């Protein structure tokens, strides 16, 4: 729910507007979208789906946000929003692309593909992400140094 509220804030949509667009009564909307999690009422599945549709949040983004918030409940909502958008863009279409790649490798059979390969691929991808963002930070610092001259 915190991600939904952060996304609504980023899009400058009030809880009342969400309720109107989602067909949720004002009182119910106030209860389910309350800023204080202790005062929040649980959402029904149909309400969640409608709110996600109203805010144009796809299910992948919602899932990723829940995973990130579960790992770090006090995380900065703006950071969560940026990371969710990055990861969802990365993951979107990835399974089909992997199937396409694997199906065109001569000598590779379905039995050669094992779940534990996922961890190794994740490690390799994370190294690339680290390198790319480290280089981005270095270039940014270089630009700042050059502007100061």
N, C-alpha and C. Protein backbone atom coordinates (compact mmCIF):
# COMPACT_ATOMS: atom_id res chain seq x y z
N UNK A 1 0.82 -1.19 0.00
CA UNK A 1 0.00 0.00 0.00
C UNK A 1 0.87 1.26 0.00
N UNK A 2 2.00 1.21 0.69
CA UNK A 2 2.88 2.38 0.71
C UNK A 2 3.36 2.72 -0.69
N UNK A 3 3.62 1.70 -1.51
CA UNK A 3 4.04 1.96 -2.88
C UNK A 3 2.92 2.63 -3.67
N UNK A 4 1.70 2.17 -3.47
CA UNK A 4 0.56 2.78 -4.17
C UNK A 4 0.44 4.24 -3.78
N UNK A 5 0.58 4.53 -2.50
CA UNK A 5 0.49 5.93 -2.04
C UNK A 5 1.66 6.76 -2.59
N UNK A 6 2.85 6.18 -2.62
CA UNK A 6 4.01 6.90 -3.17
C UNK A 6 3.81 7.17 -4.65
N UNK A 7 3.29 6.19 -5.36
CA UNK A 7 3.03 6.37 -6.80
C UNK A 7 1.95 7.43 -7.02
N UNK A 8 0.92 7.42 -6.19
CA UNK A 8 -0.14 8.43 -6.28
C UNK A 8 0.45 9.82 -6.02
N UNK A 9 1.31 9.93 -5.02
CA UNK A 9 1.97 11.21 -4.73
C UNK A 9 2.80 11.67 -5.92
N UNK A 10 3.56 10.75 -6.50
CA UNK A 10 4.41 11.08 -7.65
C UNK A 10 3.57 11.54 -8.84
N UNK A 11 2.39 10.94 -9.00
CA UNK A 11 1.50 11.30 -10.10
C UNK A 11 0.56 12.45 -9.74
N UNK A 12 0.70 12.94 -8.48
CA UNK A 12 -0.14 14.03 -7.97
C UNK A 12 -1.63 13.70 -8.05
N UNK A 13 -1.96 12.49 -7.60
CA UNK A 13 -3.34 12.04 -7.53
C UNK A 13 -3.68 11.80 -6.07
N UNK A 14 -4.75 12.41 -5.60
CA UNK A 14 -5.16 12.26 -4.21
C UNK A 14 -5.90 10.94 -4.00
N UNK A 15 -5.98 10.54 -2.75
CA UNK A 15 -6.72 9.32 -2.41
C UNK A 15 -8.18 9.48 -2.83
N UNK A 16 -8.72 10.65 -2.69
CA UNK A 16 -10.11 10.90 -3.08
C UNK A 16 -10.28 10.69 -4.60
N UNK A 17 -9.33 11.20 -5.38
CA UNK A 17 -9.39 11.02 -6.83
C UNK A 17 -9.27 9.54 -7.20
N UNK A 18 -8.39 8.82 -6.51
CA UNK A 18 -8.26 7.39 -6.76
C UNK A 18 -9.59 6.70 -6.50
N UNK A 19 -10.22 7.05 -5.37
CA UNK A 19 -11.52 6.46 -5.03
C UNK A 19 -12.57 6.73 -6.09
N UNK A 20 -12.63 7.96 -6.56
CA UNK A 20 -13.60 8.30 -7.60
C UNK A 20 -13.35 7.50 -8.88
N UNK A 21 -12.09 7.44 -9.30
CA UNK A 21 -11.75 6.71 -10.52
C UNK A 21 -11.94 5.20 -10.38
N UNK A 22 -11.73 4.70 -9.16
CA UNK A 22 -11.84 3.26 -8.91
C UNK A 22 -13.24 2.83 -8.50
N UNK A 23 -14.13 3.79 -8.28
CA UNK A 23 -15.49 3.45 -7.87
C UNK A 23 -15.57 2.99 -6.43
N UNK A 24 -14.69 3.51 -5.60
CA UNK A 24 -14.67 3.17 -4.18
C UNK A 24 -15.24 4.37 -3.42
N UNK A 25 -16.14 4.12 -2.47
CA UNK A 25 -16.75 5.22 -1.74
C UNK A 25 -15.69 6.02 -0.99
N UNK A 26 -16.03 7.26 -0.70
CA UNK A 26 -15.09 8.15 -0.02
C UNK A 26 -14.65 7.59 1.33
N UNK A 27 -15.59 7.08 2.10
CA UNK A 27 -15.26 6.54 3.42
C UNK A 27 -14.36 5.31 3.30
N UNK A 28 -14.71 4.41 2.39
CA UNK A 28 -13.91 3.20 2.20
C UNK A 28 -12.51 3.56 1.71
N UNK A 29 -12.45 4.50 0.79
CA UNK A 29 -11.17 4.94 0.25
C UNK A 29 -10.29 5.51 1.37
N UNK A 30 -10.88 6.32 2.23
CA UNK A 30 -10.13 6.88 3.36
C UNK A 30 -9.61 5.81 4.29
N UNK A 31 -10.37 4.74 4.44
CA UNK A 31 -9.96 3.65 5.33
C UNK A 31 -8.86 2.78 4.73
N UNK A 32 -8.96 2.47 3.44
CA UNK A 32 -7.98 1.56 2.84
C UNK A 32 -6.72 2.26 2.39
N UNK A 33 -6.81 3.56 2.12
CA UNK A 33 -5.63 4.32 1.69
C UNK A 33 -5.12 5.26 2.78
N UNK A 34 -5.40 4.93 4.01
CA UNK A 34 -4.95 5.77 5.14
C UNK A 34 -3.43 5.83 5.18
N UNK A 35 -2.89 7.01 5.47
CA UNK A 35 -1.43 7.17 5.52
C UNK A 35 -0.80 6.40 6.68
N UNK A 36 -1.56 6.22 7.75
CA UNK A 36 -1.06 5.48 8.91
C UNK A 36 -1.40 4.00 8.72
N UNK A 37 -0.37 3.16 8.51
CA UNK A 37 -0.63 1.74 8.26
C UNK A 37 -1.44 1.06 9.38
N UNK A 38 -1.31 1.53 10.61
CA UNK A 38 -2.04 0.92 11.72
C UNK A 38 -3.55 1.18 11.61
N UNK A 39 -3.92 2.25 10.92
CA UNK A 39 -5.34 2.60 10.78
C UNK A 39 -5.93 2.13 9.46
N UNK A 40 -5.11 1.51 8.65
CA UNK A 40 -5.53 1.07 7.31
C UNK A 40 -6.37 -0.20 7.38
N UNK A 41 -7.45 -0.23 6.63
CA UNK A 41 -8.27 -1.43 6.49
C UNK A 41 -7.73 -2.24 5.31
N UNK A 42 -7.90 -3.56 5.35
CA UNK A 42 -7.41 -4.38 4.23
C UNK A 42 -8.24 -4.14 2.96
N UNK A 43 -7.56 -4.23 1.84
CA UNK A 43 -8.21 -4.09 0.54
C UNK A 43 -8.70 -5.44 0.04
N UNK A 44 -9.80 -5.42 -0.69
CA UNK A 44 -10.24 -6.63 -1.39
C UNK A 44 -9.45 -6.72 -2.69
N UNK A 45 -9.33 -7.92 -3.23
CA UNK A 45 -8.56 -8.15 -4.45
C UNK A 45 -9.08 -7.30 -5.61
N UNK A 46 -10.39 -7.20 -5.75
CA UNK A 46 -10.95 -6.39 -6.84
C UNK A 46 -10.59 -4.92 -6.67
N UNK A 47 -10.53 -4.44 -5.43
CA UNK A 47 -10.15 -3.05 -5.18
C UNK A 47 -8.68 -2.82 -5.53
N UNK A 48 -7.84 -3.75 -5.14
CA UNK A 48 -6.41 -3.64 -5.45
C UNK A 48 -6.22 -3.56 -6.96
N UNK A 49 -6.85 -4.48 -7.68
CA UNK A 49 -6.71 -4.50 -9.14
C UNK A 49 -7.21 -3.21 -9.77
N UNK A 50 -8.32 -2.69 -9.30
CA UNK A 50 -8.88 -1.46 -9.85
C UNK A 50 -7.95 -0.27 -9.56
N UNK A 51 -7.43 -0.20 -8.35
CA UNK A 51 -6.52 0.90 -7.98
C UNK A 51 -5.24 0.82 -8.81
N UNK A 52 -4.71 -0.38 -8.97
CA UNK A 52 -3.51 -0.54 -9.81
C UNK A 52 -3.79 -0.08 -11.23
N UNK A 53 -4.95 -0.42 -11.75
CA UNK A 53 -5.33 0.02 -13.10
C UNK A 53 -5.46 1.54 -13.19
N UNK A 54 -6.09 2.14 -12.19
CA UNK A 54 -6.27 3.59 -12.16
C UNK A 54 -4.91 4.30 -12.17
N UNK A 55 -3.96 3.77 -11.42
CA UNK A 55 -2.64 4.40 -11.33
C UNK A 55 -1.69 3.91 -12.41
N UNK A 56 -2.18 3.04 -13.28
CA UNK A 56 -1.36 2.47 -14.36
C UNK A 56 -0.11 1.78 -13.82
N UNK A 57 -0.31 1.02 -12.74
CA UNK A 57 0.76 0.22 -12.15
C UNK A 57 0.53 -1.21 -12.59
N UNK A 58 1.50 -1.80 -13.28
CA UNK A 58 1.29 -3.19 -13.68
C UNK A 58 1.61 -4.11 -12.52
N UNK A 59 1.16 -5.35 -12.64
CA UNK A 59 1.28 -6.31 -11.54
C UNK A 59 2.74 -6.60 -11.21
N UNK A 60 3.61 -6.55 -12.22
CA UNK A 60 5.04 -6.78 -11.97
C UNK A 60 5.58 -5.69 -11.05
N UNK A 61 5.24 -4.44 -11.33
CA UNK A 61 5.71 -3.33 -10.49
C UNK A 61 5.20 -3.49 -9.06
N UNK A 62 3.94 -3.86 -8.90
CA UNK A 62 3.36 -4.04 -7.57
C UNK A 62 4.08 -5.16 -6.82
N UNK A 63 4.35 -6.25 -7.51
CA UNK A 63 5.06 -7.37 -6.89
C UNK A 63 6.47 -6.96 -6.46
N UNK A 64 7.18 -6.28 -7.34
CA UNK A 64 8.55 -5.85 -7.02
C UNK A 64 8.56 -4.89 -5.84
N UNK A 65 7.61 -3.97 -5.82
CA UNK A 65 7.52 -3.02 -4.70
C UNK A 65 7.27 -3.75 -3.39
N UNK A 66 6.37 -4.72 -3.41
CA UNK A 66 6.11 -5.50 -2.19
C UNK A 66 7.35 -6.24 -1.73
N UNK A 67 8.09 -6.80 -2.68
CA UNK A 67 9.32 -7.52 -2.33
C UNK A 67 10.34 -6.57 -1.70
N UNK A 68 10.51 -5.39 -2.30
CA UNK A 68 11.47 -4.42 -1.77
C UNK A 68 11.06 -3.90 -0.40
N UNK A 69 9.78 -3.61 -0.23
CA UNK A 69 9.30 -3.10 1.05
C UNK A 69 9.35 -4.17 2.14
N UNK A 70 9.15 -5.42 1.77
CA UNK A 70 9.25 -6.51 2.75
C UNK A 70 10.69 -6.65 3.22
N UNK A 71 11.65 -6.46 2.31
CA UNK A 71 13.07 -6.57 2.66
C UNK A 71 13.53 -5.39 3.49
N UNK A 72 12.95 -4.21 3.26
CA UNK A 72 13.36 -3.00 3.99
C UNK A 72 12.14 -2.11 4.17
N UNK A 73 11.34 -2.37 5.22
CA UNK A 73 10.10 -1.62 5.42
C UNK A 73 10.29 -0.10 5.56
N UNK A 74 11.45 0.34 5.99
CA UNK A 74 11.69 1.77 6.16
C UNK A 74 12.34 2.43 4.96
N UNK A 75 12.38 1.73 3.84
CA UNK A 75 13.07 2.25 2.64
C UNK A 75 12.41 3.53 2.14
N UNK A 76 13.22 4.36 1.53
CA UNK A 76 12.75 5.60 0.93
C UNK A 76 11.81 5.27 -0.23
N UNK A 77 10.60 5.79 -0.18
CA UNK A 77 9.60 5.47 -1.19
C UNK A 77 10.02 5.93 -2.58
N UNK A 78 10.72 7.05 -2.67
CA UNK A 78 11.18 7.52 -3.99
C UNK A 78 12.21 6.56 -4.57
N UNK A 79 13.09 6.04 -3.71
CA UNK A 79 14.09 5.07 -4.17
C UNK A 79 13.40 3.79 -4.62
N UNK A 80 12.42 3.34 -3.86
CA UNK A 80 11.67 2.14 -4.22
C UNK A 80 11.02 2.34 -5.59
N UNK A 81 10.41 3.49 -5.80
CA UNK A 81 9.74 3.78 -7.07
C UNK A 81 10.72 3.70 -8.23
N UNK A 82 11.88 4.30 -8.08
CA UNK A 82 12.88 4.30 -9.16
C UNK A 82 13.41 2.89 -9.43
N UNK A 83 13.70 2.15 -8.37
CA UNK A 83 14.22 0.79 -8.54
C UNK A 83 13.16 -0.11 -9.16
N UNK A 84 11.93 0.03 -8.71
CA UNK A 84 10.84 -0.79 -9.27
C UNK A 84 10.71 -0.53 -10.77
N UNK A 85 10.75 0.72 -11.18
CA UNK A 85 10.63 1.04 -12.60
C UNK A 85 11.81 0.46 -13.39
N UNK A 86 13.01 0.57 -12.83
CA UNK A 86 14.20 0.01 -13.49
C UNK A 86 14.07 -1.51 -13.66
N UNK A 87 13.78 -2.20 -12.57
CA UNK A 87 13.74 -3.66 -12.60
C UNK A 87 12.57 -4.16 -13.44
N UNK A 88 11.43 -3.51 -13.36
CA UNK A 88 10.29 -3.98 -14.16
C UNK A 88 10.56 -3.80 -15.65
N UNK A 89 11.24 -2.73 -16.01
CA UNK A 89 11.62 -2.54 -17.42
C UNK A 89 12.61 -3.61 -17.86
N UNK A 90 13.53 -3.95 -16.98
CA UNK A 90 14.52 -4.99 -17.29
C UNK A 90 13.85 -6.35 -17.47
N UNK A 91 12.94 -6.69 -16.59
CA UNK A 91 12.33 -8.01 -16.56
C UNK A 91 11.26 -8.19 -17.65
N UNK A 92 10.61 -7.09 -18.02
CA UNK A 92 9.52 -7.18 -19.00
C UNK A 92 10.03 -7.80 -20.31
N UNK A 93 9.47 -8.92 -20.68
CA UNK A 93 9.85 -9.60 -21.91
C UNK A 93 11.07 -10.50 -21.79
N UNK A 94 11.73 -10.49 -20.65
CA UNK A 94 12.95 -11.27 -20.47
C UNK A 94 12.74 -12.78 -20.65
N UNK A 95 11.71 -13.38 -20.08
CA UNK A 95 11.55 -14.83 -20.26
C UNK A 95 11.47 -15.23 -21.74
N UNK A 96 10.71 -14.50 -22.52
CA UNK A 96 10.60 -14.82 -23.95
C UNK A 96 11.94 -14.66 -24.66
N UNK A 97 12.71 -13.64 -24.26
CA UNK A 97 14.02 -13.43 -24.88
C UNK A 97 14.98 -14.56 -24.51
N UNK A 98 14.89 -15.04 -23.28
CA UNK A 98 15.75 -16.16 -22.87
C UNK A 98 15.38 -17.41 -23.64
N UNK A 99 14.10 -17.67 -23.80
CA UNK A 99 13.66 -18.83 -24.59
C UNK A 99 14.19 -18.71 -26.00
N UNK A 100 14.11 -17.55 -26.58
CA UNK A 100 14.59 -17.33 -27.95
C UNK A 100 16.10 -17.60 -28.05
N UNK A 101 16.86 -17.08 -27.11
CA UNK A 101 18.31 -17.27 -27.12
C UNK A 101 18.65 -18.75 -26.98
N UNK A 102 18.07 -19.38 -25.97
CA UNK A 102 18.39 -20.78 -25.66
C UNK A 102 17.98 -21.70 -26.80
N UNK A 103 16.86 -21.42 -27.45
CA UNK A 103 16.39 -22.31 -28.51
C UNK A 103 17.27 -22.26 -29.75
N UNK A 104 18.11 -21.24 -29.87
CA UNK A 104 18.97 -21.11 -31.05
C UNK A 104 20.43 -21.48 -30.80
N UNK A 105 20.71 -22.06 -29.65
CA UNK A 105 22.08 -22.49 -29.35
C UNK A 105 22.22 -23.96 -29.73
N UNK A 106 23.03 -24.20 -30.74
CA UNK A 106 23.25 -25.58 -31.20
C UNK A 106 23.90 -26.40 -30.09
N UNK A 107 23.40 -27.60 -29.90
CA UNK A 107 23.98 -28.52 -28.92
C UNK A 107 23.39 -28.37 -27.53
N UNK A 108 22.55 -27.35 -27.30
CA UNK A 108 21.94 -27.16 -25.99
C UNK A 108 20.57 -27.82 -25.99
N UNK A 109 20.34 -28.61 -24.98
CA UNK A 109 19.06 -29.30 -24.86
C UNK A 109 18.33 -28.81 -23.63
N UNK A 110 17.03 -29.02 -23.61
CA UNK A 110 16.19 -28.57 -22.50
C UNK A 110 16.71 -29.08 -21.16
N UNK A 111 17.21 -30.30 -21.13
CA UNK A 111 17.71 -30.88 -19.89
C UNK A 111 18.96 -30.17 -19.37
N UNK A 112 19.62 -29.40 -20.24
CA UNK A 112 20.82 -28.66 -19.83
C UNK A 112 20.48 -27.43 -18.99
N UNK A 113 19.25 -27.01 -19.05
CA UNK A 113 18.82 -25.80 -18.33
C UNK A 113 18.33 -26.21 -16.95
N UNK A 114 18.98 -25.66 -15.91
CA UNK A 114 18.64 -26.04 -14.55
C UNK A 114 18.37 -24.79 -13.71
N UNK A 115 17.52 -24.92 -12.70
CA UNK A 115 17.17 -23.77 -11.85
C UNK A 115 18.38 -23.08 -11.21
N UNK A 116 19.39 -23.86 -10.83
CA UNK A 116 20.55 -23.25 -10.17
C UNK A 116 21.33 -22.31 -11.09
N UNK A 117 21.12 -22.42 -12.39
CA UNK A 117 21.76 -21.48 -13.32
C UNK A 117 21.25 -20.06 -13.09
N UNK A 118 20.03 -19.95 -12.57
CA UNK A 118 19.45 -18.63 -12.31
C UNK A 118 20.30 -17.80 -11.37
N UNK A 119 20.82 -18.41 -10.30
CA UNK A 119 21.68 -17.70 -9.35
C UNK A 119 22.96 -17.21 -10.01
N UNK A 120 23.55 -18.07 -10.84
CA UNK A 120 24.80 -17.69 -11.52
C UNK A 120 24.55 -16.55 -12.50
N UNK A 121 23.42 -16.62 -13.21
CA UNK A 121 23.08 -15.53 -14.12
C UNK A 121 22.81 -14.24 -13.35
N UNK A 122 22.14 -14.36 -12.22
CA UNK A 122 21.86 -13.18 -11.41
C UNK A 122 23.17 -12.54 -10.93
N UNK A 123 24.11 -13.36 -10.48
CA UNK A 123 25.41 -12.85 -10.04
C UNK A 123 26.13 -12.12 -11.17
N UNK A 124 26.10 -12.71 -12.37
CA UNK A 124 26.75 -12.07 -13.52
C UNK A 124 26.09 -10.75 -13.87
N UNK A 125 24.78 -10.72 -13.84
CA UNK A 125 24.05 -9.49 -14.16
C UNK A 125 24.32 -8.41 -13.11
N UNK A 126 24.35 -8.80 -11.85
CA UNK A 126 24.62 -7.82 -10.79
C UNK A 126 26.01 -7.22 -10.91
N UNK A 127 26.98 -8.01 -11.36
CA UNK A 127 28.32 -7.46 -11.59
C UNK A 127 28.29 -6.42 -12.71
N UNK A 128 27.53 -6.71 -13.76
CA UNK A 128 27.41 -5.75 -14.86
C UNK A 128 26.71 -4.47 -14.38
N UNK A 129 25.64 -4.62 -13.60
CA UNK A 129 24.92 -3.45 -13.07
C UNK A 129 25.86 -2.61 -12.22
N UNK A 130 26.62 -3.27 -11.34
CA UNK A 130 27.56 -2.55 -10.48
C UNK A 130 28.58 -1.77 -11.31
N UNK A 131 29.14 -2.43 -12.29
CA UNK A 131 30.14 -1.78 -13.16
C UNK A 131 29.54 -0.60 -13.91
N UNK A 132 28.37 -0.77 -14.47
CA UNK A 132 27.74 0.29 -15.25
C UNK A 132 27.42 1.52 -14.38
N UNK A 133 26.86 1.29 -13.19
CA UNK A 133 26.52 2.42 -12.33
C UNK A 133 27.76 3.05 -11.70
N UNK A 134 28.79 2.25 -11.43
CA UNK A 134 30.05 2.82 -10.94
C UNK A 134 30.65 3.73 -12.00
N UNK A 135 30.62 3.28 -13.26
CA UNK A 135 31.13 4.10 -14.37
C UNK A 135 30.30 5.37 -14.55
N UNK A 136 28.99 5.25 -14.40
CA UNK A 136 28.12 6.42 -14.51
C UNK A 136 28.47 7.45 -13.42
N UNK A 137 28.67 6.97 -12.20
CA UNK A 137 29.03 7.86 -11.10
C UNK A 137 30.38 8.52 -11.35
N UNK A 138 31.33 7.76 -11.88
CA UNK A 138 32.66 8.32 -12.16
C UNK A 138 32.57 9.39 -13.25
N UNK A 139 31.78 9.14 -14.28
CA UNK A 139 31.62 10.14 -15.35
C UNK A 139 30.93 11.39 -14.82
N UNK A 140 29.96 11.22 -13.95
CA UNK A 140 29.26 12.36 -13.36
C UNK A 140 30.24 13.19 -12.53
N UNK A 141 31.06 12.51 -11.73
CA UNK A 141 32.05 13.21 -10.92
C UNK A 141 33.05 13.94 -11.80
N UNK A 142 33.44 13.29 -12.89
CA UNK A 142 34.38 13.92 -13.82
C UNK A 142 33.76 15.19 -14.41
N UNK A 143 32.50 15.13 -14.80
CA UNK A 143 31.82 16.31 -15.36
C UNK A 143 31.76 17.42 -14.33
N UNK A 144 31.46 17.08 -13.10
CA UNK A 144 31.37 18.09 -12.04
C UNK A 144 32.74 18.73 -11.83
N UNK A 145 33.81 17.90 -11.82
CA UNK A 145 35.16 18.43 -11.67
C UNK A 145 35.51 19.36 -12.80
N UNK A 146 35.13 19.01 -14.02
CA UNK A 146 35.45 19.84 -15.19
C UNK A 146 34.70 21.16 -15.15
N UNK A 147 33.45 21.14 -14.66
CA UNK A 147 32.68 22.38 -14.60
C UNK A 147 33.25 23.33 -13.55
N UNK A 148 33.92 22.78 -12.54
CA UNK A 148 34.48 23.61 -11.48
C UNK A 148 35.76 24.33 -11.89
N UNK A 149 36.38 23.93 -13.01
CA UNK A 149 37.64 24.54 -13.43
C UNK A 149 37.45 25.91 -14.03
